[in-house]
Amino acid sequence: MVRLREHIGTLSWAVASRLLFVGYGFVVLIQIAVVPPHEYGLFALLVNVQTWIFILSDSSALLGLIQFGAKPEERPRVNLLVSLLHGGISMGLAGLFWALRHPLAQLFREPQLLQVAHLLVPFCAVSVPRTLCVKLLFRDLAMRQVFWLDFSWVGTMSGLTLWLFWRRELNSFTDLAIIALVGMAVSSVVGLLLCWRLLRFGWRGETRVGDILRFTLPQTVASALHTGLRQLDVYAVQYFFGVAVVGIYQAAKTFYRLFETIFDLISGLLYPAAVRLLSAGATEQLRVLVAKTMSVMLVGMGILVLILELGGAEWVLRPLLVSEYEGAISYFRLLALGGLGIPFAVLGSAILALGHSRRILAHIAIATALGVGTLVVVGLMGAVSMAPMGMVVYTLMLGLLNGSFIRAYFRLPWRELFRAVADVRGFLQGLFSQQARG
């Protein structure tokens, strides 16, 4: 049996690390309060394309650290090959964006995209060490170190935000970009210090670049599609509605980060756990793990979405937003509906571990096509209030496809969806029994 209490330490640090970014959302509120939507929209165009680049590099290069680094004798070579791939892909894509900066500025009718392109290159350069170190720590499930690595990033950005706000010097896209670059640079330095013993490089070994690329290619294409809509939808909003609307929409996505944090956390933990269980031949344990993950998330997410749609979003967000950003509340409520697909969408990590990477690609391609189609229709109709619908349709469809596959593969009955209630009750009873004996 897979017992939750056996992994409570790892889960606690992982949850604490993700909560840092949820907490940073309140710091972002300070930025939103003093930075106009137009300037914040430009910052969104920078941050989202940088995030897309590194998610893409993660799937095409960094994923190899986990898959091919299981054998200790191969790790120095795997570390070297993956680092070269990671740096090349990240900086190559940033350089391509810079090279195309003038056509992109004309296409999206925003001259300041030139400034975005100039800042993207150094932003990506200081991001490479941090992202490499995060994946090394995830490989060893060293979640305590991941927490402190994330703390250095979030803490630095929070401190700079508060300092500039106190000095009344926080008011532009450039200020926000400086905060992001400095925070990333500090986190990269901390990451190198935390991972010093893991940073071993060498040519000796049997792993080849082709092995890594052949394994990661389907996942790379899948990530390009998956994150293309998730991160780059702001460019579609820019094209149809302008950069000021991008700023308001990005504010809503900042609150939606709670849902994305849950998605990233569970996906990041589920994949290495599934790989280890399959390597040990523990298929039944994986079945139980997948069922529990799906059930716990469904119950929790259902309660959260219900609260938000019944007035919770309005009650929480309206006091936090200045009048220029009040439109973000309705955007957030729409995005929250898509959260109902997350408990099933995260199962893509398990499908990948099972070796069905092409199935994942097909699911993501279908969901992306429907999401992009929805976004284009919304844009052509000029329905600015429905801008988030592309993300909503995508997440719900991906959840439907992934959930259906996992249910069929493991032959999970419908009652498994609600086993979380009994599991949580048993977990709490176990804790109370231990306290009573103590």
Protein backbone atom coordinates (compact mmCIF):
# COMPACT_ATOMS: atom_id res chain seq x y z
CA MET A 1 0.00 0.00 0.00
CA VAL A 2 1.08 3.59 -0.64
CA ARG A 3 0.78 5.34 2.71
CA LEU A 4 0.53 9.11 2.78
CA ARG A 5 2.25 9.37 6.15
CA GLU A 6 5.41 7.73 4.76
CA HIS A 7 5.86 10.67 2.38
CA ILE A 8 4.58 13.47 4.63
CA GLY A 9 8.03 15.07 4.98
CA THR A 10 8.65 15.32 1.25
CA LEU A 11 5.10 16.47 0.59
CA SER A 12 5.27 19.10 3.34
CA TRP A 13 8.37 20.75 1.88
CA ALA A 14 6.94 20.50 -1.64
CA VAL A 15 3.70 22.14 -0.57
CA ALA A 16 5.59 24.81 1.38
CA SER A 17 7.66 25.58 -1.71
CA ARG A 18 4.56 26.01 -3.86
CA LEU A 19 2.89 28.14 -1.20
CA LEU A 20 5.76 30.60 -1.54
CA PHE A 21 4.51 31.46 -5.01
CA VAL A 22 0.93 31.70 -3.80
CA GLY A 23 2.14 34.11 -1.13
CA TYR A 24 4.08 36.08 -3.73
CA GLY A 25 0.75 36.74 -5.36
CA PHE A 26 0.04 39.19 -2.56
CA VAL A 27 3.30 40.99 -3.34
CA VAL A 28 2.18 41.16 -6.97
CA LEU A 29 -0.90 43.02 -5.72
CA ILE A 30 1.43 45.85 -4.70
CA GLN A 31 2.85 45.90 -8.21
CA ILE A 32 -0.65 45.93 -9.70
CA ALA A 33 -1.69 48.78 -7.40
CA VAL A 34 0.99 51.16 -8.71
CA VAL A 35 1.80 49.94 -12.23
CA PRO A 36 -0.70 50.85 -15.00
CA PRO A 37 -2.28 47.99 -17.01
CA HIS A 38 -0.34 48.96 -20.14
CA GLU A 39 3.02 48.61 -18.35
CA TYR A 40 1.96 45.46 -16.56
CA GLY A 41 0.82 44.02 -19.87
CA LEU A 42 4.30 44.52 -21.33
CA PHE A 43 5.77 42.73 -18.34
CA ALA A 44 3.35 39.87 -18.95
CA LEU A 45 4.59 39.57 -22.53
CA LEU A 46 8.17 39.26 -21.23
CA VAL A 47 7.54 36.85 -18.37
CA ASN A 48 5.22 34.54 -20.25
CA VAL A 49 7.52 34.02 -23.23
CA GLN A 50 10.47 33.44 -20.85
CA THR A 51 8.42 30.89 -18.92
CA TRP A 52 7.43 29.15 -22.16
CA ILE A 53 11.05 28.91 -23.27
CA PHE A 54 12.14 27.26 -20.03
CA ILE A 55 9.22 24.88 -19.84
CA LEU A 56 10.11 23.83 -23.37
CA SER A 57 13.77 23.36 -22.43
CA ASP A 58 12.71 21.45 -19.33
CA SER A 59 10.81 18.93 -21.43
CA SER A 60 13.42 18.62 -24.16
CA ALA A 61 16.58 18.60 -22.03
CA LEU A 62 16.10 18.68 -18.26
CA LEU A 63 13.68 15.75 -18.29
CA GLY A 64 16.68 13.63 -19.23
CA LEU A 65 18.22 14.24 -15.81
CA ILE A 66 15.51 12.10 -14.20
CA GLN A 67 15.11 9.49 -16.91
CA PHE A 68 18.82 8.85 -17.62
CA GLY A 69 20.29 9.88 -14.26
CA ALA A 70 18.89 6.93 -12.32
CA LYS A 71 22.24 5.12 -12.54
CA PRO A 72 24.89 6.87 -10.39
CA GLU A 73 27.71 5.95 -12.78
CA GLU A 74 25.94 7.74 -15.66
CA ARG A 75 25.17 10.96 -13.81
CA PRO A 76 28.30 13.00 -14.65
CA ARG A 77 27.82 12.40 -18.38
CA VAL A 78 24.08 12.94 -18.22
CA ASN A 79 24.60 16.16 -16.26
CA LEU A 80 27.03 17.44 -18.89
CA LEU A 81 24.91 16.55 -21.92
CA VAL A 82 21.72 17.90 -20.40
CA SER A 83 23.41 21.15 -19.31
CA LEU A 84 24.69 21.77 -22.84
CA LEU A 85 21.28 21.02 -24.34
CA HIS A 86 19.49 23.15 -21.76
CA GLY A 87 21.71 26.18 -22.29
CA GLY A 88 21.64 25.84 -26.07
CA ILE A 89 17.87 25.50 -26.34
CA SER A 90 17.10 28.30 -23.87
CA MET A 91 19.49 30.84 -25.30
CA GLY A 92 18.76 29.77 -28.86
CA LEU A 93 15.04 30.47 -28.49
CA ALA A 94 15.71 33.77 -26.71
CA GLY A 95 18.07 34.75 -29.52
CA LEU A 96 15.48 33.81 -32.14
CA PHE A 97 12.88 36.04 -30.46
CA TRP A 98 15.40 38.88 -30.44
CA ALA A 99 16.27 38.35 -34.10
CA LEU A 100 12.56 38.52 -35.03
CA ARG A 101 11.81 41.48 -32.76
CA HIS A 102 10.91 43.93 -35.52
CA PRO A 103 8.46 41.65 -37.39
CA LEU A 104 6.92 40.63 -34.05
CA ALA A 105 6.45 44.25 -33.01
CA GLN A 106 4.65 44.94 -36.28
CA LEU A 107 2.54 41.78 -36.12
CA PHE A 108 1.28 42.48 -32.60
CA ARG A 109 1.07 46.23 -33.14
CA GLU A 110 3.17 47.00 -30.06
CA PRO A 111 6.44 48.94 -30.60
CA GLN A 112 7.62 48.24 -27.06
CA LEU A 113 8.00 44.56 -27.93
CA LEU A 114 11.47 45.65 -29.03
CA GLN A 115 12.29 46.40 -25.40
CA VAL A 116 10.79 43.08 -24.36
CA ALA A 117 13.09 41.29 -26.83
CA HIS A 118 16.19 43.09 -25.56
CA LEU A 119 15.46 42.12 -21.94
CA LEU A 120 14.54 38.53 -22.77
CA VAL A 121 18.13 37.51 -23.60
CA PRO A 122 19.72 38.43 -20.22
CA PHE A 123 16.61 37.18 -18.42
CA CYS A 124 17.06 33.74 -19.97
CA ALA A 125 20.81 33.76 -19.35
CA VAL A 126 20.42 34.20 -15.58
CA SER A 127 17.61 31.62 -15.54
CA VAL A 128 19.66 28.69 -16.88
CA PRO A 129 21.54 27.77 -13.63
CA ARG A 130 18.44 27.99 -11.44
CA THR A 131 16.31 25.76 -13.64
CA LEU A 132 19.09 23.17 -13.94
CA CYS A 133 19.52 23.05 -10.16
CA VAL A 134 15.79 22.72 -9.53
CA LYS A 135 15.61 19.63 -11.74
CA LEU A 136 18.67 18.09 -10.06
CA LEU A 137 17.01 18.50 -6.68
CA PHE A 138 13.71 17.12 -7.96
CA ARG A 139 15.58 14.07 -9.25
CA ASP A 140 16.62 13.27 -5.68
CA LEU A 141 13.30 14.47 -4.23
CA ALA A 142 15.32 16.95 -2.13
CA MET A 143 12.31 19.13 -1.51
CA ARG A 144 13.79 20.96 1.48
CA GLN A 145 16.55 22.36 -0.75
CA VAL A 146 13.97 23.18 -3.43
CA PHE A 147 12.11 25.21 -0.82
CA TRP A 148 15.15 27.32 0.05
CA LEU A 149 16.01 27.74 -3.61
CA ASP A 150 12.50 29.04 -4.30
CA PHE A 151 12.62 31.15 -1.14
CA SER A 152 15.73 32.95 -2.42
CA TRP A 153 13.89 33.79 -5.65
CA VAL A 154 10.58 34.84 -4.17
CA GLY A 155 12.21 36.54 -1.20
CA THR A 156 14.49 38.65 -3.38
CA MET A 157 11.65 39.76 -5.65
CA SER A 158 9.46 40.54 -2.64
CA GLY A 159 12.18 42.60 -0.97
CA LEU A 160 12.88 44.59 -4.13
CA THR A 161 9.18 45.21 -4.72
CA LEU A 162 8.67 46.52 -1.19
CA TRP A 163 11.81 48.66 -1.35
CA LEU A 164 10.90 50.28 -4.68
CA PHE A 165 7.31 50.76 -3.50
CA TRP A 166 8.50 52.48 -0.33
CA ARG A 167 10.73 54.78 -2.40
CA ARG A 168 7.82 55.40 -4.80
CA GLU A 169 9.96 54.24 -7.69
CA LEU A 170 7.84 51.27 -8.78
CA ASN A 171 5.73 52.40 -11.71
CA SER A 172 6.89 50.92 -15.02
CA PHE A 173 7.61 47.81 -17.05
CA THR A 174 11.34 48.42 -16.63
CA ASP A 175 11.04 48.37 -12.83
CA LEU A 176 9.18 45.06 -12.92
CA ALA A 177 11.77 43.59 -15.30
CA ILE A 178 14.64 44.58 -12.99
CA ILE A 179 12.89 42.88 -10.07
CA ALA A 180 12.48 39.69 -12.10
CA LEU A 181 16.07 39.64 -13.38
CA VAL A 182 17.67 40.29 -9.99
CA GLY A 183 15.46 37.71 -8.29
CA MET A 184 16.35 35.08 -10.87
CA ALA A 185 20.07 35.86 -10.66
CA VAL A 186 20.12 35.55 -6.86
CA SER A 187 18.20 32.28 -7.03
CA SER A 188 20.66 30.89 -9.57
CA VAL A 189 23.59 31.64 -7.26
CA VAL A 190 21.81 30.01 -4.33
CA GLY A 191 20.94 27.03 -6.52
CA LEU A 192 24.57 26.49 -7.46
CA LEU A 193 25.55 26.54 -3.78
CA LEU A 194 22.80 24.11 -2.78
CA CYS A 195 23.59 21.73 -5.64
CA TRP A 196 27.37 21.89 -5.43
CA ARG A 197 27.75 18.21 -4.56
CA LEU A 198 25.41 17.23 -7.42
CA LEU A 199 27.21 19.26 -10.06
CA ARG A 200 29.51 16.54 -11.35
CA PHE A 201 30.32 16.53 -15.05
CA GLY A 202 32.26 14.15 -17.27
CA TRP A 203 32.33 12.42 -20.64
CA ARG A 204 32.58 8.85 -19.37
CA GLY A 205 29.39 6.87 -19.81
CA GLU A 206 27.09 5.32 -22.39
CA THR A 207 24.26 7.88 -22.61
CA ARG A 208 24.18 9.77 -25.90
CA VAL A 209 22.56 13.02 -26.91
CA GLY A 210 20.42 11.07 -29.36
CA ASP A 211 19.11 8.86 -26.54
CA ILE A 212 17.97 11.91 -24.61
CA LEU A 213 16.41 13.62 -27.61
CA ARG A 214 14.60 10.51 -28.82
CA PHE A 215 13.09 10.04 -25.38
CA THR A 216 12.15 13.68 -24.88
CA LEU A 217 10.98 14.54 -28.43
CA PRO A 218 7.32 13.54 -27.96
CA GLN A 219 7.26 15.31 -24.59
CA THR A 220 8.92 18.38 -26.12
CA VAL A 221 6.23 18.67 -28.78
CA ALA A 222 3.57 18.07 -26.14
CA SER A 223 5.02 20.77 -23.87
CA ALA A 224 5.32 23.21 -26.76
CA LEU A 225 1.58 22.80 -27.40
CA HIS A 226 0.54 22.60 -23.74
CA THR A 227 2.47 25.65 -22.60
CA GLY A 228 1.98 27.47 -25.87
CA LEU A 229 -1.63 28.12 -24.93
CA ARG A 230 -1.02 28.31 -21.19
CA GLN A 231 1.74 30.92 -21.46
CA LEU A 232 1.45 32.55 -24.86
CA ASP A 233 -2.29 33.19 -24.86
CA VAL A 234 -1.38 36.71 -23.71
CA TYR A 235 -0.01 37.32 -27.21
CA ALA A 236 -3.38 36.39 -28.69
CA VAL A 237 -5.05 38.75 -26.22
CA GLN A 238 -2.54 41.41 -27.26
CA TYR A 239 -3.32 40.85 -30.93
CA PHE A 240 -7.10 41.07 -30.55
CA PHE A 241 -7.58 43.43 -27.60
CA GLY A 242 -4.35 45.37 -26.88
CA VAL A 243 -1.70 45.47 -24.18
CA ALA A 244 -3.90 47.15 -21.53
CA VAL A 245 -6.29 44.17 -21.61
CA VAL A 246 -3.24 41.91 -21.39
CA GLY A 247 -2.36 43.63 -18.11
CA ILE A 248 -5.81 43.00 -16.64
CA TYR A 249 -5.88 39.42 -17.92
CA GLN A 250 -2.40 38.80 -16.47
CA ALA A 251 -3.64 40.03 -13.11
CA ALA A 252 -6.38 37.37 -13.26
CA LYS A 253 -3.80 34.75 -14.23
CA THR A 254 -1.77 35.78 -11.20
CA PHE A 255 -4.63 34.70 -8.96
CA TYR A 256 -5.16 31.60 -11.10
CA ARG A 257 -1.56 30.74 -10.24
CA LEU A 258 -3.01 28.94 -7.23
CA PHE A 259 -4.47 26.36 -9.61
CA GLU A 260 -1.35 26.23 -11.78
CA THR A 261 0.79 25.77 -8.67
CA ILE A 262 -1.27 22.75 -7.69
CA PHE A 263 -0.97 21.37 -11.22
CA ASP A 264 2.82 21.85 -11.34
CA LEU A 265 3.34 20.48 -7.83
CA ILE A 266 1.43 17.25 -8.39
CA SER A 267 2.84 16.73 -11.88
CA GLY A 268 6.39 17.31 -10.66
CA LEU A 269 6.01 14.78 -7.84
CA LEU A 270 3.93 12.20 -9.70
CA TYR A 271 6.32 11.61 -12.60
CA PRO A 272 9.49 10.63 -10.64
CA ALA A 273 7.37 8.62 -8.19
CA ALA A 274 5.74 6.74 -11.06
CA VAL A 275 9.11 6.07 -12.72
CA ARG A 276 10.49 4.62 -9.47
CA LEU A 277 7.47 2.39 -8.87
CA LEU A 278 7.51 1.07 -12.42
CA SER A 279 11.26 0.41 -12.23
CA ALA A 280 10.60 -1.65 -9.09
CA GLY A 281 7.75 -3.52 -10.79
CA ALA A 282 5.24 -2.08 -8.31
CA THR A 283 2.39 -1.60 -10.78
CA GLU A 284 -0.32 -2.09 -8.16
CA GLN A 285 1.25 0.57 -5.95
CA LEU A 286 1.23 2.94 -8.90
CA ARG A 287 -2.43 2.17 -9.49
CA VAL A 288 -3.22 3.07 -5.88
CA LEU A 289 -1.09 6.22 -6.05
CA VAL A 290 -2.84 7.41 -9.22
CA ALA A 291 -6.30 6.68 -7.82
CA LYS A 292 -5.57 8.54 -4.59
CA THR A 293 -4.05 11.49 -6.41
CA MET A 294 -7.06 11.81 -8.69
CA SER A 295 -9.56 11.45 -5.87
CA VAL A 296 -7.95 13.84 -3.38
CA MET A 297 -7.53 16.51 -6.03
CA LEU A 298 -11.07 16.13 -7.35
CA VAL A 299 -12.67 16.57 -3.93
CA GLY A 300 -10.38 19.46 -2.96
CA MET A 301 -10.64 21.25 -6.28
CA GLY A 302 -14.40 20.83 -6.44
CA ILE A 303 -14.83 22.49 -3.04
CA LEU A 304 -12.47 25.33 -3.96
CA VAL A 305 -14.17 26.09 -7.30
CA LEU A 306 -17.63 25.97 -5.71
CA ILE A 307 -16.61 28.52 -3.07
CA LEU A 308 -15.11 30.85 -5.67
CA GLU A 309 -18.09 30.70 -8.01
CA LEU A 310 -20.59 31.28 -5.20
CA GLY A 311 -19.08 34.66 -4.38
CA GLY A 312 -15.75 33.81 -2.82
CA ALA A 313 -13.77 35.32 -5.71
CA GLU A 314 -15.65 38.61 -5.47
CA TRP A 315 -15.36 38.72 -1.68
CA VAL A 316 -11.61 38.06 -1.66
CA LEU A 317 -10.40 39.97 -4.71
CA ARG A 318 -12.43 43.16 -4.81
CA PRO A 319 -10.78 44.70 -1.72
CA LEU A 320 -7.35 43.81 -3.13
CA LEU A 321 -7.66 45.40 -6.57
CA VAL A 322 -7.57 49.02 -7.65
CA SER A 323 -10.35 50.15 -9.95
CA GLU A 324 -8.25 49.81 -13.14
CA TYR A 325 -7.97 46.05 -12.54
CA GLU A 326 -11.51 45.17 -11.39
CA GLY A 327 -12.13 43.36 -14.68
CA ALA A 328 -9.66 40.71 -13.45
CA ILE A 329 -12.32 39.36 -11.07
CA SER A 330 -14.63 38.12 -13.83
CA TYR A 331 -11.63 36.77 -15.74
CA PHE A 332 -10.52 34.84 -12.68
CA ARG A 333 -13.95 33.31 -12.14
CA LEU A 334 -13.93 32.02 -15.70
CA LEU A 335 -10.41 30.62 -15.31
CA ALA A 336 -11.42 28.90 -12.06
CA LEU A 337 -14.01 26.83 -13.93
CA GLY A 338 -11.16 25.26 -15.84
CA GLY A 339 -9.70 24.15 -12.51
CA LEU A 340 -12.22 21.30 -12.49
CA GLY A 341 -10.14 19.63 -15.19
CA ILE A 342 -6.85 19.79 -13.24
CA PRO A 343 -7.38 16.64 -11.09
CA PHE A 344 -7.43 14.62 -14.31
CA ALA A 345 -5.06 16.71 -16.43
CA VAL A 346 -2.17 16.07 -13.99
CA LEU A 347 -2.43 12.35 -14.77
CA GLY A 348 -0.46 13.08 -17.90
CA SER A 349 2.68 12.55 -15.76
CA ALA A 350 1.58 8.99 -15.02
CA ILE A 351 0.73 8.35 -18.68
CA LEU A 352 4.21 9.56 -19.65
CA ALA A 353 5.86 7.32 -17.05
CA LEU A 354 3.89 4.37 -18.45
CA GLY A 355 5.59 4.99 -21.78
CA HIS A 356 2.60 6.36 -23.68
CA SER A 357 4.21 9.64 -24.71
CA ARG A 358 2.43 9.65 -28.08
CA ARG A 359 -0.91 9.32 -26.33
CA ILE A 360 -0.08 12.38 -24.24
CA LEU A 361 0.86 14.26 -27.39
CA ALA A 362 -2.46 13.35 -29.02
CA HIS A 363 -4.44 14.47 -25.96
CA ILE A 364 -2.61 17.78 -25.77
CA ALA A 365 -2.91 18.38 -29.51
CA ILE A 366 -6.68 17.88 -29.40
CA ALA A 367 -7.10 20.06 -26.32
CA THR A 368 -4.83 22.75 -27.77
CA ALA A 369 -6.70 22.83 -31.07
CA LEU A 370 -9.99 23.31 -29.26
CA GLY A 371 -8.50 25.92 -26.90
CA VAL A 372 -6.88 27.93 -29.68
CA GLY A 373 -10.02 27.68 -31.78
CA THR A 374 -12.07 29.02 -28.89
CA LEU A 375 -9.64 31.89 -28.33
CA VAL A 376 -9.70 32.85 -32.02
CA VAL A 377 -13.50 32.81 -32.11
CA VAL A 378 -13.64 34.97 -28.98
CA GLY A 379 -11.14 37.39 -30.54
CA LEU A 380 -12.94 37.63 -33.88
CA MET A 381 -16.22 38.26 -32.07
CA GLY A 382 -14.57 41.02 -30.04
CA ALA A 383 -15.87 39.37 -26.87
CA VAL A 384 -13.24 40.81 -24.54
CA SER A 385 -15.08 39.54 -21.46
CA MET A 386 -14.57 35.95 -22.68
CA ALA A 387 -10.79 36.19 -23.18
CA PRO A 388 -10.01 33.35 -20.70
CA MET A 389 -12.25 30.80 -22.47
CA GLY A 390 -9.39 29.36 -24.50
CA MET A 391 -7.60 28.28 -21.30
CA VAL A 392 -10.82 26.97 -19.77
CA VAL A 393 -11.70 24.79 -22.77
CA TYR A 394 -8.14 23.49 -23.01
CA THR A 395 -7.86 22.44 -19.35
CA LEU A 396 -11.27 20.75 -19.25
CA MET A 397 -10.66 18.81 -22.47
CA LEU A 398 -7.16 17.70 -21.40
CA GLY A 399 -8.58 16.51 -18.09
CA LEU A 400 -11.32 14.56 -19.85
CA LEU A 401 -8.88 12.81 -22.18
CA ASN A 402 -6.21 12.01 -19.56
CA GLY A 403 -8.74 10.87 -16.98
CA SER A 404 -10.50 8.58 -19.43
CA PHE A 405 -7.24 6.93 -20.45
CA ILE A 406 -6.09 6.31 -16.85
CA ARG A 407 -9.46 4.91 -15.83
CA ALA A 408 -9.37 2.48 -18.74
CA TYR A 409 -5.70 1.52 -18.28
CA PHE A 410 -5.98 0.72 -14.56
CA ARG A 411 -9.64 -0.31 -14.76
CA LEU A 412 -10.60 2.14 -12.04
CA PRO A 413 -14.28 2.05 -11.08
CA TRP A 414 -16.14 5.32 -10.65
CA ARG A 415 -16.20 4.91 -6.87
CA GLU A 416 -12.40 5.44 -6.87
CA LEU A 417 -13.04 9.11 -7.62
CA PHE A 418 -14.39 9.59 -4.10
CA ARG A 419 -12.09 7.32 -2.12
CA ALA A 420 -10.35 10.44 -0.77
CA VAL A 421 -13.02 10.90 1.87
CA ALA A 422 -12.29 7.50 3.44
CA ASP A 423 -8.51 7.90 2.99
CA VAL A 424 -8.42 11.26 4.75
CA ARG A 425 -10.56 9.90 7.58
CA GLY A 426 -8.18 6.95 8.00
CA PHE A 427 -5.14 9.23 7.89
CA LEU A 428 -6.53 11.49 10.60
CA GLN A 429 -7.52 8.54 12.76
CA GLY A 430 -3.97 7.19 12.46
CA LEU A 431 -2.50 10.50 13.58
CA PHE A 432 -4.85 10.74 16.55
CA SER A 433 -4.03 7.16 17.55
CA GLN A 434 -0.30 7.92 17.50
CA GLN A 435 -0.82 11.00 19.65
CA ALA A 436 -2.93 9.02 22.10
CA ARG A 437 -0.24 6.35 22.43
CA GLY A 438 2.42 9.02 22.82
